[in-house]
N, C-alpha and C. Protein backbone atom coordinates (compact mmCIF):
# COMPACT_ATOMS: atom_id res chain seq x y z
N MET A 1 -6.89 12.60 22.63
CA MET A 1 -6.23 13.50 23.21
C MET A 1 -6.86 14.23 24.27
N LYS A 2 -6.57 14.42 25.02
CA LYS A 2 -7.82 14.88 26.04
C LYS A 2 -7.11 16.99 25.72
N LYS A 3 -8.24 17.45 25.63
CA LYS A 3 -8.16 19.45 25.43
C LYS A 3 -7.53 19.79 26.79
N SER A 4 -7.34 19.33 27.57
CA SER A 4 -7.09 19.75 28.84
C SER A 4 -5.46 19.73 29.28
N ILE A 5 -5.10 19.19 27.88
CA ILE A 5 -3.59 18.61 28.05
C ILE A 5 -2.70 20.71 27.69
N PRO A 6 -1.43 21.10 28.98
CA PRO A 6 -0.99 21.69 28.75
C PRO A 6 -0.45 22.12 27.50
N LEU A 7 -0.32 23.50 27.14
CA LEU A 7 0.29 24.26 25.63
C LEU A 7 1.83 23.36 25.88
N SER A 8 2.71 23.44 26.92
CA SER A 8 3.40 22.88 26.84
C SER A 8 4.08 21.08 26.49
N LYS A 9 2.76 20.87 26.83
CA LYS A 9 2.97 18.97 26.51
C LYS A 9 2.21 18.84 25.21
N ARG A 10 1.62 19.75 24.57
CA ARG A 10 1.25 20.01 22.84
C ARG A 10 2.27 20.12 22.46
N ALA A 11 3.16 21.02 22.74
CA ALA A 11 4.25 21.33 22.08
C ALA A 11 5.17 20.22 21.99
N TYR A 12 5.60 19.36 23.30
CA TYR A 12 6.12 18.61 23.26
C TYR A 12 6.07 17.10 22.34
N ILE A 13 4.77 17.05 22.31
CA ILE A 13 4.46 16.12 21.46
C ILE A 13 4.47 16.34 19.91
N ALA A 14 4.16 17.31 19.61
CA ALA A 14 4.31 17.82 18.37
C ALA A 14 5.97 17.99 18.11
N GLY A 15 6.75 18.20 18.86
CA GLY A 15 8.32 18.47 18.16
C GLY A 15 8.47 16.74 18.56
N PHE A 16 7.76 15.86 19.27
CA PHE A 16 7.98 14.43 19.32
C PHE A 16 7.53 14.03 17.91
N LEU A 17 6.11 14.58 17.33
CA LEU A 17 6.06 13.89 15.72
C LEU A 17 6.88 14.28 14.83
N ASP A 18 7.29 15.50 14.97
CA ASP A 18 8.45 16.50 14.22
C ASP A 18 10.02 15.37 14.24
N GLY A 19 9.93 14.76 15.06
CA GLY A 19 11.22 13.98 15.03
C GLY A 19 11.21 12.87 14.86
N ASP A 20 9.97 12.05 15.45
CA ASP A 20 10.42 10.62 15.64
C ASP A 20 8.67 10.31 15.36
N GLY A 21 8.51 11.07 14.29
CA GLY A 21 6.77 10.63 13.85
C GLY A 21 6.69 10.44 12.11
N SER A 22 5.40 9.60 12.05
CA SER A 22 5.11 10.26 10.57
C SER A 22 3.65 10.40 10.06
N ILE A 23 3.53 10.81 9.64
CA ILE A 23 2.24 11.47 8.81
C ILE A 23 1.69 10.82 7.60
N TYR A 24 0.79 9.98 7.06
CA TYR A 24 0.91 9.82 5.71
C TYR A 24 -0.73 9.39 5.44
N VAL A 25 -1.43 8.71 4.15
CA VAL A 25 -1.87 8.70 3.84
C VAL A 25 -2.07 7.60 2.64
N ARG A 26 -2.92 5.98 3.14
CA ARG A 26 -2.89 5.26 1.88
C ARG A 26 -4.12 5.18 1.17
N ALA A 27 -3.89 5.05 0.02
CA ALA A 27 -5.07 4.65 -0.85
C ALA A 27 -5.08 3.12 -1.11
N LYS A 28 -5.37 2.23 -0.26
CA LYS A 28 -5.37 1.12 -0.30
C LYS A 28 -6.60 0.27 -1.43
N PRO A 29 -6.04 -0.60 -2.38
CA PRO A 29 -7.47 -1.20 -3.24
C PRO A 29 -8.01 -2.16 -2.11
N ASN A 30 -9.77 -1.79 -2.68
CA ASN A 30 -10.56 -2.40 -2.21
C ASN A 30 -12.02 -2.30 -2.81
N SER A 31 -11.95 -3.63 -3.63
CA SER A 31 -12.87 -3.64 -4.29
C SER A 31 -14.68 -3.50 -3.54
N ASP A 32 -14.64 -3.62 -2.31
CA ASP A 32 -15.80 -3.46 -1.91
C ASP A 32 -16.32 -1.67 -1.32
N TYR A 33 -15.37 -0.87 -1.70
CA TYR A 33 -15.62 0.34 -2.11
C TYR A 33 -16.08 1.12 -3.54
N ARG A 34 -16.54 2.16 -3.15
CA ARG A 34 -17.13 2.64 -4.74
C ARG A 34 -16.57 3.10 -5.65
N TYR A 35 -15.04 3.72 -5.41
CA TYR A 35 -14.42 3.77 -6.15
C TYR A 35 -13.09 2.85 -6.05
N LYS A 36 -13.32 1.91 -5.26
CA LYS A 36 -12.35 0.73 -5.42
C LYS A 36 -11.03 0.91 -4.80
N PHE A 37 -10.98 2.03 -3.97
CA PHE A 37 -9.79 2.20 -2.88
C PHE A 37 -10.61 2.58 -1.76
N GLN A 38 -9.66 2.34 -0.54
CA GLN A 38 -10.02 2.96 0.88
C GLN A 38 -9.23 3.68 1.17
N ILE A 39 -9.24 4.85 1.72
CA ILE A 39 -8.16 6.24 2.00
C ILE A 39 -8.26 5.94 3.36
N ALA A 40 -6.85 5.81 3.81
CA ALA A 40 -6.69 5.35 5.23
C ALA A 40 -5.47 6.28 5.61
N PRO A 41 -5.83 7.52 6.60
CA PRO A 41 -4.82 7.98 6.98
C PRO A 41 -4.10 7.62 8.32
N TYR A 42 -3.24 8.00 8.40
CA TYR A 42 -1.97 7.43 9.78
C TYR A 42 -1.33 8.53 10.58
N VAL A 43 -1.30 8.68 11.79
CA VAL A 43 -0.18 8.94 12.34
C VAL A 43 0.92 7.98 13.28
N VAL A 44 1.69 7.78 13.16
CA VAL A 44 2.58 6.80 13.78
C VAL A 44 4.06 7.73 14.70
N LEU A 45 3.98 7.43 15.82
CA LEU A 45 5.37 7.83 16.57
C LEU A 45 5.72 6.68 16.85
N PHE A 46 7.31 6.81 16.61
CA PHE A 46 8.39 5.45 16.60
C PHE A 46 9.30 5.89 17.62
N GLN A 47 9.37 4.65 18.50
CA GLN A 47 10.54 4.67 19.59
C GLN A 47 11.18 3.30 20.17
N SER A 48 12.39 3.52 20.86
CA SER A 48 12.88 2.00 20.57
C SER A 48 11.95 1.35 21.79
N ALA A 49 12.17 0.28 21.47
CA ALA A 49 11.40 -0.64 23.09
C ALA A 49 12.36 -0.29 24.39
N LYS A 50 13.11 0.16 24.14
CA LYS A 50 14.38 0.42 25.91
C LYS A 50 13.59 1.30 26.07
N ASN A 51 12.91 1.99 25.57
CA ASN A 51 12.19 3.69 26.58
C ASN A 51 10.64 3.47 26.67
N ARG A 52 10.30 1.93 26.65
CA ARG A 52 8.85 1.50 26.67
C ARG A 52 8.16 2.22 27.59
N GLU A 53 8.53 2.26 28.77
CA GLU A 53 7.83 2.86 30.13
C GLU A 53 7.70 4.29 29.92
N LYS A 54 8.61 5.64 29.56
CA LYS A 54 8.53 6.46 29.19
C LYS A 54 7.32 6.55 27.96
N PHE A 55 7.52 5.86 26.58
CA PHE A 55 7.19 6.23 25.32
C PHE A 55 5.25 6.01 25.90
N LYS A 56 5.18 5.15 26.66
CA LYS A 56 3.66 4.57 27.24
C LYS A 56 3.07 5.53 27.90
N GLU A 57 3.86 6.61 28.85
CA GLU A 57 3.57 8.06 29.34
C GLU A 57 2.82 8.77 28.35
N ILE A 58 3.82 8.73 27.28
CA ILE A 58 3.65 10.13 26.52
C ILE A 58 2.37 9.38 25.81
N CYS A 59 2.24 8.05 25.31
CA CYS A 59 0.99 7.57 24.84
C CYS A 59 -0.18 7.69 25.69
N ASP A 60 0.18 7.37 26.71
CA ASP A 60 -1.39 7.43 27.72
C ASP A 60 -1.82 9.22 27.85
N LEU A 61 -0.84 9.94 27.56
CA LEU A 61 -1.20 11.42 27.51
C LEU A 61 -2.10 11.69 26.18
N ILE A 62 -1.52 10.99 25.13
CA ILE A 62 -2.87 11.40 23.52
C ILE A 62 -3.66 10.39 23.72
N ASN A 63 -3.78 9.28 24.29
CA ASN A 63 -4.79 8.39 24.63
C ASN A 63 -5.81 8.54 23.11
N LEU A 64 -5.54 8.21 22.27
CA LEU A 64 -5.72 7.77 20.79
C LEU A 64 -5.99 6.61 19.68
N GLY A 65 -4.73 6.03 20.15
CA GLY A 65 -4.25 5.13 19.60
C GLY A 65 -4.04 3.57 20.00
N TYR A 66 -2.92 2.93 19.73
CA TYR A 66 -2.71 1.70 20.19
C TYR A 66 -0.97 1.41 19.83
N ILE A 67 -0.39 1.11 20.97
CA ILE A 67 1.18 0.59 20.70
C ILE A 67 1.33 -1.07 19.90
N ARG A 68 1.91 -0.84 19.00
CA ARG A 68 2.61 -2.30 18.91
C ARG A 68 4.39 -2.62 18.66
N GLU A 69 4.62 -3.87 18.87
CA GLU A 69 6.08 -3.81 19.01
C GLU A 69 6.46 -4.56 17.49
N ARG A 70 7.47 -4.06 16.98
CA ARG A 70 7.93 -4.46 15.56
C ARG A 70 8.93 -5.53 15.91
N LYS A 71 9.57 -6.20 14.87
CA LYS A 71 10.37 -7.63 15.15
C LYS A 71 11.59 -6.87 15.57
N ASP A 72 11.82 -5.57 14.95
CA ASP A 72 13.01 -5.09 15.03
C ASP A 72 13.20 -4.27 16.07
N GLY A 73 12.48 -4.38 17.51
CA GLY A 73 12.80 -3.54 18.73
C GLY A 73 12.01 -2.27 18.80
N ILE A 74 11.36 -1.77 17.71
CA ILE A 74 10.86 -0.37 17.64
C ILE A 74 9.28 -0.78 17.89
N LEU A 75 9.12 0.38 18.70
CA LEU A 75 7.86 0.58 19.23
C LEU A 75 7.16 1.67 18.23
N GLU A 76 5.81 1.11 17.69
CA GLU A 76 5.01 1.96 16.80
C GLU A 76 3.80 2.46 17.95
N TYR A 77 3.28 4.02 17.82
CA TYR A 77 1.93 4.14 18.40
C TYR A 77 1.27 4.68 17.45
N ILE A 78 -0.04 3.80 16.83
CA ILE A 78 -0.72 4.46 15.66
C ILE A 78 -2.15 4.74 16.05
N ILE A 79 -2.26 5.93 15.28
CA ILE A 79 -3.40 6.43 15.64
C ILE A 79 -4.36 6.62 14.23
N ASN A 80 -5.45 5.65 13.90
CA ASN A 80 -5.79 5.40 12.68
C ASN A 80 -7.27 5.65 12.54
N LYS A 81 -7.80 6.09 13.22
CA LYS A 81 -9.12 6.38 13.31
C LYS A 81 -9.35 8.01 12.77
N ILE A 82 -10.15 8.27 11.45
CA ILE A 82 -10.07 9.79 11.19
C ILE A 82 -10.41 10.60 12.19
N ASP A 83 -11.49 10.28 12.96
CA ASP A 83 -11.89 11.36 14.15
C ASP A 83 -10.89 11.85 14.93
N ASP A 84 -10.05 10.75 15.48
CA ASP A 84 -8.75 10.90 16.40
C ASP A 84 -7.66 11.64 15.54
N ILE A 85 -7.47 11.32 14.39
CA ILE A 85 -6.34 11.92 13.71
C ILE A 85 -6.53 13.46 13.63
N LYS A 86 -7.92 13.42 13.14
CA LYS A 86 -8.02 14.96 13.13
C LYS A 86 -7.65 15.72 14.41
N GLY A 87 -8.47 15.34 15.83
CA GLY A 87 -8.34 15.82 17.20
C GLY A 87 -7.07 16.00 17.05
N PHE A 88 -6.01 15.05 17.00
CA PHE A 88 -4.60 14.70 17.12
C PHE A 88 -4.09 15.71 16.13
N LEU A 89 -3.98 16.24 15.37
CA LEU A 89 -3.32 17.31 14.67
C LEU A 89 -4.10 18.54 14.79
N MET A 90 -5.20 18.59 15.21
CA MET A 90 -5.91 19.94 15.35
C MET A 90 -5.06 20.69 16.35
N LEU A 91 -4.81 19.67 17.68
CA LEU A 91 -4.07 20.22 18.86
C LEU A 91 -2.87 20.47 18.57
N VAL A 92 -1.82 19.62 17.49
CA VAL A 92 -0.37 19.70 17.69
C VAL A 92 0.10 20.98 16.82
N ARG A 93 -1.18 20.89 15.77
CA ARG A 93 -0.82 21.75 14.61
C ARG A 93 -0.14 23.27 14.83
N PRO A 94 -0.58 23.98 16.11
CA PRO A 94 0.04 25.42 16.00
C PRO A 94 1.56 25.19 16.21
N PHE A 95 2.42 23.74 16.93
CA PHE A 95 3.69 23.79 16.85
C PHE A 95 4.48 23.24 16.36
N VAL A 96 3.91 22.36 15.17
CA VAL A 96 4.65 21.14 14.62
C VAL A 96 5.38 22.11 13.54
N ILE A 97 6.38 22.09 13.04
CA ILE A 97 7.38 22.80 12.19
C ILE A 97 7.77 21.87 11.05
N LEU A 98 8.62 20.31 11.31
CA LEU A 98 8.65 19.73 10.17
C LEU A 98 7.75 19.42 9.20
N LYS A 99 6.73 18.73 9.69
CA LYS A 99 5.41 18.45 9.16
C LYS A 99 4.44 19.23 9.18
N ARG A 100 4.38 20.30 8.91
CA ARG A 100 3.57 21.40 8.74
C ARG A 100 2.76 20.85 7.48
N LYS A 101 3.42 20.62 6.30
CA LYS A 101 2.58 20.61 5.46
C LYS A 101 1.93 19.10 5.51
N GLN A 102 2.43 18.01 5.76
CA GLN A 102 1.65 16.85 5.95
C GLN A 102 0.56 16.92 6.84
N VAL A 103 0.42 17.57 7.87
CA VAL A 103 -0.70 18.10 9.17
C VAL A 103 -1.69 18.90 8.33
N GLU A 104 -1.07 19.71 7.50
CA GLU A 104 -2.40 20.69 6.64
C GLU A 104 -3.14 19.95 5.64
N MET A 105 -1.66 19.08 4.79
CA MET A 105 -2.56 18.23 3.65
C MET A 105 -3.48 17.00 4.01
N THR A 106 -3.21 16.74 5.28
CA THR A 106 -3.91 15.55 5.78
C THR A 106 -5.52 15.86 6.19
N LEU A 107 -5.38 16.97 7.13
CA LEU A 107 -6.75 17.93 7.16
C LEU A 107 -7.38 18.29 6.23
N LYS A 108 -6.66 18.46 5.04
CA LYS A 108 -7.44 18.70 3.42
C LYS A 108 -8.12 17.31 3.40
N ILE A 109 -7.04 16.60 3.07
CA ILE A 109 -7.45 15.42 2.60
C ILE A 109 -9.16 14.76 3.35
N ILE A 110 -8.82 14.79 4.91
CA ILE A 110 -10.02 14.32 5.44
C ILE A 110 -11.24 14.94 5.17
N GLU A 111 -11.08 16.24 4.87
CA GLU A 111 -12.11 17.12 4.51
C GLU A 111 -12.87 17.07 3.68
N LEU A 112 -11.89 16.84 2.28
CA LEU A 112 -12.23 15.87 0.72
C LEU A 112 -12.76 14.99 0.88
N LYS A 113 -12.22 13.90 1.57
CA LYS A 113 -12.99 12.94 1.62
C LYS A 113 -14.19 12.74 2.27
N ASN A 114 -14.94 13.42 2.76
CA ASN A 114 -16.62 13.59 3.33
C ASN A 114 -16.82 14.39 2.25
N LYS A 115 -16.24 14.98 1.20
CA LYS A 115 -17.24 15.59 0.15
C LYS A 115 -17.42 14.93 -1.01
N ILE A 116 -16.79 13.94 -1.18
CA ILE A 116 -16.74 13.21 -2.39
C ILE A 116 -18.19 12.56 -3.04
N LYS A 117 -18.57 13.61 -4.45
CA LYS A 117 -19.40 13.42 -5.19
C LYS A 117 -19.77 12.66 -6.22
N ASN A 118 -18.79 12.50 -6.96
CA ASN A 118 -18.20 11.56 -8.07
C ASN A 118 -16.67 11.37 -8.35
N LYS A 119 -16.48 10.66 -9.45
CA LYS A 119 -15.23 10.17 -10.14
C LYS A 119 -14.12 11.17 -10.14
N ASP A 120 -15.10 12.65 -10.75
CA ASP A 120 -14.02 13.83 -10.23
C ASP A 120 -13.60 14.31 -9.03
N ASP A 121 -14.61 13.93 -8.08
CA ASP A 121 -14.03 14.40 -6.63
C ASP A 121 -13.08 13.36 -6.19
N PHE A 122 -12.94 12.08 -6.27
CA PHE A 122 -12.44 10.73 -6.12
C PHE A 122 -11.17 11.26 -6.77
N ASN A 123 -11.28 11.76 -8.00
CA ASN A 123 -9.72 11.60 -8.90
C ASN A 123 -8.64 12.82 -7.93
N ALA A 124 -9.42 14.10 -7.85
CA ALA A 124 -8.62 15.36 -7.16
C ALA A 124 -8.21 14.74 -5.94
N LEU A 125 -9.06 14.10 -5.00
CA LEU A 125 -8.30 13.46 -3.94
C LEU A 125 -7.17 12.60 -3.76
N MET A 126 -7.31 11.52 -4.69
CA MET A 126 -6.43 10.79 -5.01
C MET A 126 -5.39 11.69 -5.76
N GLU A 127 -5.26 12.49 -6.11
CA GLU A 127 -3.70 13.49 -6.42
C GLU A 127 -3.56 14.11 -5.24
N LEU A 128 -4.11 14.41 -4.98
CA LEU A 128 -3.69 14.94 -3.38
C LEU A 128 -2.99 13.90 -2.45
N ILE A 129 -3.73 13.18 -2.53
CA ILE A 129 -2.98 11.98 -1.60
C ILE A 129 -1.45 11.35 -2.37
N ASP A 130 -1.71 11.24 -3.50
CA ASP A 130 -0.50 11.10 -4.48
C ASP A 130 0.50 12.48 -4.27
N SER A 131 0.58 13.38 -3.80
CA SER A 131 1.51 14.39 -3.65
C SER A 131 2.01 14.11 -2.40
N PHE A 132 1.66 13.44 -1.18
CA PHE A 132 2.64 13.05 -0.33
C PHE A 132 4.20 12.68 -0.38
N ARG A 133 4.19 12.07 -1.71
CA ARG A 133 5.26 11.25 -2.08
C ARG A 133 6.29 12.35 -1.97
N GLU A 134 6.35 13.61 -2.69
CA GLU A 134 7.37 14.56 -2.24
C GLU A 134 7.49 15.15 -1.07
N LEU A 135 6.50 14.69 -0.34
CA LEU A 135 6.84 15.14 1.63
C LEU A 135 7.39 13.98 2.25
N ASN A 136 7.13 13.24 2.03
CA ASN A 136 7.35 11.81 2.82
C ASN A 136 8.55 10.89 2.22
N TYR A 137 9.26 10.71 1.60
CA TYR A 137 10.55 9.92 1.24
C TYR A 137 9.97 8.81 0.62
N SER A 138 9.03 8.63 0.44
CA SER A 138 8.12 7.32 0.03
C SER A 138 8.80 7.21 -1.20
N LYS A 139 9.19 5.50 -2.08
CA LYS A 139 9.35 5.19 -2.83
C LYS A 139 8.78 4.22 -3.57
N LYS A 140 7.64 4.09 -2.79
CA LYS A 140 6.38 3.07 -3.43
C LYS A 140 5.49 3.83 -3.83
N ARG A 141 5.40 4.79 -3.66
CA ARG A 141 4.21 5.46 -4.29
C ARG A 141 3.64 5.77 -5.74
N LYS A 142 2.38 5.60 -5.89
CA LYS A 142 2.47 5.18 -7.16
C LYS A 142 0.89 6.04 -7.26
N ARG A 143 0.97 6.68 -8.66
CA ARG A 143 0.03 7.94 -8.81
C ARG A 143 -1.20 6.74 -9.86
N ARG A 144 -2.64 6.79 -8.69
CA ARG A 144 -3.77 6.06 -8.98
C ARG A 144 -4.96 6.75 -9.42
N ALA A 145 -4.58 7.83 -10.02
CA ALA A 145 -5.79 8.34 -11.02
C ALA A 145 -7.07 7.19 -11.32
N LEU A 146 -8.15 7.19 -11.07
CA LEU A 146 -9.34 6.69 -11.90
C LEU A 146 -9.26 7.30 -13.50
N THR A 147 -9.45 5.75 -14.18
CA THR A 147 -9.64 6.22 -15.94
C THR A 147 -10.98 6.82 -16.12
N PRO A 148 -11.22 7.41 -16.85
CA PRO A 148 -12.54 8.00 -17.41
C PRO A 148 -13.47 6.91 -17.65
């Protein structure tokens, strides 16, 4: 996202995120990682494929992710690189209302992820990730703290 985006457009994008977006962090099992989980944050905006051209204009303005079309005719604009997510969230942060807690929690997770020094640090991070369950209507969320 370009820092030169006018405040009114940043506010619009924040409203779009509030209404037709999702912010979440997955702890994906992956044996290649030190603590056997990959921490993967995402920001996703959704729109019907019927509005493809206008949605593409919004996505081009953000210019951080990619668009994919689901089989049900919904377009997803996915931002999945940590630096891009952080930059996006920092620019919309002053304007987000409904997903303010998710924005703050994701930024905190990104910060903590870079400071993990031991198993206790990782467990604290996993507990924070698990707390997304209460914010995001997730039915599949499982608590995944590491055993001592």
